[in-house]
Amino acid sequence: MEIVIIEKTAFEMLLAGVKVLEERVRTLAEKSGDRRLAEWMDTEDVCRVLHVTPKTLQAIRDRHGIAFSQIGRKFYYKPEDVQRLVPMPETALPSV
């Protein structure tokens, strides 16, 4: 185990910074309301809905055809962004 020694004032400044960060995260979480990561779709979900392969979905991302967020190596998509890519059935199209 490695032990790091720092001055008391530096440690107190670090703790104060962590408190500020914690408060900002709490405020953002409260502002976002019911928007949670659980409501987002992962690559597997999107591929199933769109009936495409992961490689095709990657091509769509590369062409900026869908918005996404990446955490580590995993991609997440908002359901409303995926819905925009789902083709409408012909019965849902307005008649001309």
N, C-alpha and C. Protein backbone atom coordinates (compact mmCIF):
# COMPACT_ATOMS: atom_id res chain seq x y z
N MET A 1 0.84 -1.17 0.00
CA MET A 1 0.00 0.00 0.00
C MET A 1 0.89 1.23 0.00
N GLU A 2 0.49 2.19 -0.83
CA GLU A 2 1.25 3.42 -0.93
C GLU A 2 0.57 4.50 -0.09
N ILE A 3 1.33 5.23 0.66
CA ILE A 3 0.81 6.30 1.51
C ILE A 3 1.26 7.63 0.94
N VAL A 4 0.30 8.54 0.79
CA VAL A 4 0.58 9.87 0.27
C VAL A 4 0.30 10.87 1.39
N ILE A 5 1.25 11.74 1.63
CA ILE A 5 1.11 12.74 2.67
C ILE A 5 0.98 14.10 2.00
N ILE A 6 -0.09 14.85 2.38
CA ILE A 6 -0.26 16.21 1.86
C ILE A 6 -0.54 17.15 3.02
N GLU A 7 -0.36 18.43 2.77
CA GLU A 7 -0.61 19.43 3.81
C GLU A 7 -2.10 19.46 4.14
N LYS A 8 -2.40 19.86 5.37
CA LYS A 8 -3.78 19.92 5.82
C LYS A 8 -4.61 20.86 4.96
N THR A 9 -4.05 22.01 4.61
CA THR A 9 -4.81 22.98 3.81
C THR A 9 -5.11 22.42 2.41
N ALA A 10 -4.17 21.71 1.84
CA ALA A 10 -4.39 21.10 0.53
C ALA A 10 -5.48 20.04 0.62
N PHE A 11 -5.48 19.25 1.69
CA PHE A 11 -6.50 18.23 1.90
C PHE A 11 -7.88 18.87 2.07
N GLU A 12 -7.95 19.96 2.83
CA GLU A 12 -9.22 20.65 3.04
C GLU A 12 -9.74 21.26 1.74
N MET A 13 -8.83 21.78 0.91
CA MET A 13 -9.23 22.31 -0.39
C MET A 13 -9.76 21.20 -1.28
N LEU A 14 -9.13 20.05 -1.22
CA LEU A 14 -9.58 18.89 -2.00
C LEU A 14 -10.99 18.49 -1.57
N LEU A 15 -11.22 18.41 -0.27
CA LEU A 15 -12.54 18.05 0.24
C LEU A 15 -13.59 19.08 -0.17
N ALA A 16 -13.24 20.35 -0.12
CA ALA A 16 -14.17 21.41 -0.52
C ALA A 16 -14.52 21.27 -2.00
N GLY A 17 -13.53 20.96 -2.82
CA GLY A 17 -13.77 20.76 -4.25
C GLY A 17 -14.69 19.57 -4.51
N VAL A 18 -14.49 18.51 -3.76
CA VAL A 18 -15.35 17.33 -3.90
C VAL A 18 -16.78 17.66 -3.49
N LYS A 19 -16.95 18.45 -2.44
CA LYS A 19 -18.29 18.86 -2.01
C LYS A 19 -18.99 19.68 -3.09
N VAL A 20 -18.26 20.60 -3.71
CA VAL A 20 -18.83 21.42 -4.79
C VAL A 20 -19.26 20.52 -5.95
N LEU A 21 -18.40 19.59 -6.32
CA LEU A 21 -18.71 18.67 -7.40
C LEU A 21 -19.93 17.82 -7.06
N GLU A 22 -19.99 17.33 -5.84
CA GLU A 22 -21.13 16.54 -5.39
C GLU A 22 -22.43 17.33 -5.49
N GLU A 23 -22.39 18.59 -5.10
CA GLU A 23 -23.58 19.44 -5.16
C GLU A 23 -24.01 19.69 -6.60
N ARG A 24 -23.04 19.89 -7.49
CA ARG A 24 -23.36 20.10 -8.91
C ARG A 24 -24.02 18.86 -9.50
N VAL A 25 -23.49 17.71 -9.19
CA VAL A 25 -24.07 16.45 -9.69
C VAL A 25 -25.48 16.29 -9.15
N ARG A 26 -25.69 16.56 -7.88
CA ARG A 26 -27.02 16.45 -7.28
C ARG A 26 -27.99 17.41 -7.97
N THR A 27 -27.56 18.65 -8.22
CA THR A 27 -28.41 19.63 -8.88
C THR A 27 -28.78 19.18 -10.29
N LEU A 28 -27.79 18.69 -11.04
CA LEU A 28 -28.06 18.21 -12.40
C LEU A 28 -29.01 17.02 -12.38
N ALA A 29 -28.84 16.12 -11.44
CA ALA A 29 -29.72 14.96 -11.33
C ALA A 29 -31.15 15.38 -11.04
N GLU A 30 -31.32 16.38 -10.18
CA GLU A 30 -32.66 16.87 -9.87
C GLU A 30 -33.29 17.57 -11.07
N LYS A 31 -32.49 18.32 -11.82
CA LYS A 31 -33.01 19.02 -13.00
C LYS A 31 -33.43 18.04 -14.09
N SER A 32 -32.72 16.94 -14.20
CA SER A 32 -33.02 15.99 -15.27
C SER A 32 -34.30 15.22 -15.00
N GLY A 33 -34.80 15.27 -13.78
CA GLY A 33 -36.07 14.63 -13.46
C GLY A 33 -36.06 13.14 -13.71
N ASP A 34 -36.92 12.70 -14.62
CA ASP A 34 -37.07 11.27 -14.84
C ASP A 34 -36.19 10.73 -15.96
N ARG A 35 -35.30 11.56 -16.49
CA ARG A 35 -34.40 11.06 -17.53
C ARG A 35 -33.29 10.26 -16.88
N ARG A 36 -33.34 8.98 -17.04
CA ARG A 36 -32.34 8.09 -16.43
C ARG A 36 -31.71 7.24 -17.51
N LEU A 37 -30.55 6.73 -17.20
CA LEU A 37 -29.85 5.86 -18.15
C LEU A 37 -30.68 4.63 -18.46
N ALA A 38 -31.50 4.17 -17.52
CA ALA A 38 -32.32 2.98 -17.73
C ALA A 38 -33.29 3.18 -18.89
N GLU A 39 -33.66 4.43 -19.18
CA GLU A 39 -34.57 4.69 -20.28
C GLU A 39 -33.85 4.72 -21.63
N TRP A 40 -32.55 4.78 -21.62
CA TRP A 40 -31.79 4.80 -22.86
C TRP A 40 -31.68 3.38 -23.40
N MET A 41 -31.40 3.29 -24.68
CA MET A 41 -31.28 1.98 -25.34
C MET A 41 -29.81 1.73 -25.64
N ASP A 42 -29.40 0.47 -25.50
CA ASP A 42 -28.03 0.13 -25.87
C ASP A 42 -28.01 -0.37 -27.32
N THR A 43 -26.84 -0.71 -27.80
CA THR A 43 -26.68 -1.12 -29.19
C THR A 43 -27.56 -2.32 -29.53
N GLU A 44 -27.62 -3.28 -28.64
CA GLU A 44 -28.42 -4.49 -28.89
C GLU A 44 -29.90 -4.13 -29.05
N ASP A 45 -30.41 -3.26 -28.18
CA ASP A 45 -31.81 -2.83 -28.27
C ASP A 45 -32.10 -2.14 -29.60
N VAL A 46 -31.22 -1.22 -29.99
CA VAL A 46 -31.42 -0.45 -31.22
C VAL A 46 -31.37 -1.36 -32.43
N CYS A 47 -30.42 -2.28 -32.46
CA CYS A 47 -30.32 -3.21 -33.59
C CYS A 47 -31.59 -4.04 -33.71
N ARG A 48 -32.14 -4.44 -32.59
CA ARG A 48 -33.37 -5.24 -32.60
C ARG A 48 -34.53 -4.42 -33.16
N VAL A 49 -34.66 -3.18 -32.73
CA VAL A 49 -35.77 -2.32 -33.17
C VAL A 49 -35.65 -1.98 -34.66
N LEU A 50 -34.44 -1.65 -35.08
CA LEU A 50 -34.23 -1.22 -36.47
C LEU A 50 -34.01 -2.38 -37.43
N HIS A 51 -33.84 -3.58 -36.89
CA HIS A 51 -33.55 -4.77 -37.70
C HIS A 51 -32.27 -4.56 -38.52
N VAL A 52 -31.21 -4.10 -37.84
CA VAL A 52 -29.92 -3.91 -38.48
C VAL A 52 -28.85 -4.62 -37.65
N THR A 53 -27.69 -4.78 -38.24
CA THR A 53 -26.56 -5.39 -37.54
C THR A 53 -25.80 -4.30 -36.78
N PRO A 54 -25.00 -4.70 -35.80
CA PRO A 54 -24.18 -3.71 -35.09
C PRO A 54 -23.27 -2.91 -36.04
N LYS A 55 -22.78 -3.56 -37.08
CA LYS A 55 -21.92 -2.86 -38.04
C LYS A 55 -22.71 -1.79 -38.81
N THR A 56 -23.93 -2.11 -39.17
CA THR A 56 -24.77 -1.11 -39.85
C THR A 56 -25.07 0.06 -38.92
N LEU A 57 -25.35 -0.24 -37.65
CA LEU A 57 -25.60 0.83 -36.68
C LEU A 57 -24.36 1.70 -36.52
N GLN A 58 -23.18 1.07 -36.54
CA GLN A 58 -21.93 1.83 -36.46
C GLN A 58 -21.81 2.77 -37.66
N ALA A 59 -22.18 2.29 -38.84
CA ALA A 59 -22.13 3.13 -40.04
C ALA A 59 -23.08 4.31 -39.91
N ILE A 60 -24.26 4.08 -39.32
CA ILE A 60 -25.21 5.17 -39.11
C ILE A 60 -24.61 6.20 -38.16
N ARG A 61 -23.97 5.71 -37.08
CA ARG A 61 -23.31 6.63 -36.14
C ARG A 61 -22.22 7.41 -36.84
N ASP A 62 -21.41 6.73 -37.64
CA ASP A 62 -20.28 7.38 -38.32
C ASP A 62 -20.75 8.48 -39.28
N ARG A 63 -21.95 8.29 -39.86
CA ARG A 63 -22.49 9.30 -40.79
C ARG A 63 -23.31 10.35 -40.03
N HIS A 64 -23.24 10.31 -38.69
CA HIS A 64 -23.98 11.24 -37.84
C HIS A 64 -25.49 11.13 -38.08
N GLY A 65 -25.94 9.91 -38.35
CA GLY A 65 -27.35 9.67 -38.61
C GLY A 65 -28.17 9.48 -37.35
N ILE A 66 -27.50 9.30 -36.21
CA ILE A 66 -28.20 9.12 -34.95
C ILE A 66 -27.33 9.67 -33.83
N ALA A 67 -27.97 10.34 -32.89
CA ALA A 67 -27.25 10.86 -31.73
C ALA A 67 -27.01 9.71 -30.75
N PHE A 68 -25.90 9.79 -30.04
CA PHE A 68 -25.58 8.74 -29.08
C PHE A 68 -24.69 9.30 -27.99
N SER A 69 -24.61 8.55 -26.91
CA SER A 69 -23.65 8.84 -25.84
C SER A 69 -22.82 7.59 -25.66
N GLN A 70 -21.56 7.78 -25.35
CA GLN A 70 -20.67 6.66 -25.17
C GLN A 70 -20.09 6.68 -23.77
N ILE A 71 -20.20 5.56 -23.09
CA ILE A 71 -19.60 5.39 -21.77
C ILE A 71 -18.67 4.19 -21.89
N GLY A 72 -17.38 4.48 -21.82
CA GLY A 72 -16.41 3.42 -22.04
C GLY A 72 -16.50 2.97 -23.49
N ARG A 73 -16.74 1.67 -23.68
CA ARG A 73 -16.87 1.14 -25.03
C ARG A 73 -18.32 0.87 -25.41
N LYS A 74 -19.25 1.28 -24.56
CA LYS A 74 -20.66 1.00 -24.80
C LYS A 74 -21.38 2.27 -25.26
N PHE A 75 -22.28 2.10 -26.23
CA PHE A 75 -23.03 3.21 -26.80
C PHE A 75 -24.47 3.16 -26.31
N TYR A 76 -25.04 4.35 -26.07
CA TYR A 76 -26.42 4.46 -25.62
C TYR A 76 -27.15 5.46 -26.51
N TYR A 77 -28.44 5.20 -26.72
CA TYR A 77 -29.25 6.00 -27.62
C TYR A 77 -30.56 6.37 -26.93
N LYS A 78 -31.05 7.59 -27.18
CA LYS A 78 -32.34 7.99 -26.66
C LYS A 78 -33.43 7.33 -27.51
N PRO A 79 -34.47 6.82 -26.88
CA PRO A 79 -35.54 6.17 -27.66
C PRO A 79 -36.14 7.07 -28.73
N GLU A 80 -36.29 8.37 -28.46
CA GLU A 80 -36.88 9.26 -29.47
C GLU A 80 -35.97 9.41 -30.69
N ASP A 81 -34.65 9.32 -30.50
CA ASP A 81 -33.73 9.38 -31.65
C ASP A 81 -33.83 8.12 -32.49
N VAL A 82 -34.00 6.99 -31.82
CA VAL A 82 -34.15 5.72 -32.55
C VAL A 82 -35.48 5.73 -33.30
N GLN A 83 -36.52 6.24 -32.67
CA GLN A 83 -37.85 6.26 -33.28
C GLN A 83 -37.84 7.02 -34.61
N ARG A 84 -37.02 8.07 -34.70
CA ARG A 84 -36.94 8.84 -35.94
C ARG A 84 -36.41 8.01 -37.11
N LEU A 85 -35.66 6.95 -36.80
CA LEU A 85 -35.10 6.11 -37.85
C LEU A 85 -36.00 4.95 -38.23
N VAL A 86 -37.03 4.69 -37.44
CA VAL A 86 -37.93 3.58 -37.73
C VAL A 86 -38.83 3.98 -38.88
N PRO A 87 -38.83 3.18 -39.97
CA PRO A 87 -39.68 3.54 -41.11
C PRO A 87 -41.16 3.42 -40.72
N MET A 88 -41.94 4.40 -41.18
CA MET A 88 -43.38 4.37 -40.90
C MET A 88 -44.05 3.35 -41.80
N PRO A 89 -45.00 2.58 -41.27
CA PRO A 89 -45.74 1.66 -42.14
C PRO A 89 -46.59 2.45 -43.12
N GLU A 90 -46.84 1.86 -44.29
CA GLU A 90 -47.56 2.58 -45.33
C GLU A 90 -48.95 2.98 -44.88
N THR A 91 -49.59 2.23 -43.99
CA THR A 91 -50.93 2.58 -43.52
C THR A 91 -50.89 3.84 -42.68
N ALA A 92 -49.73 4.18 -42.11
CA ALA A 92 -49.63 5.37 -41.27
C ALA A 92 -49.34 6.63 -42.09
N LEU A 93 -49.01 6.45 -43.38
CA LEU A 93 -48.71 7.60 -44.21
C LEU A 93 -50.02 8.31 -44.61
N PRO A 94 -50.00 9.64 -44.65
CA PRO A 94 -51.21 10.34 -45.06
C PRO A 94 -51.50 10.11 -46.53
N SER A 95 -52.76 10.02 -46.88
CA SER A 95 -53.11 9.79 -48.29
C SER A 95 -53.01 11.09 -49.06
N VAL A 96 -52.63 10.97 -50.35
CA VAL A 96 -52.41 12.15 -51.18
C VAL A 96 -53.55 12.35 -52.13
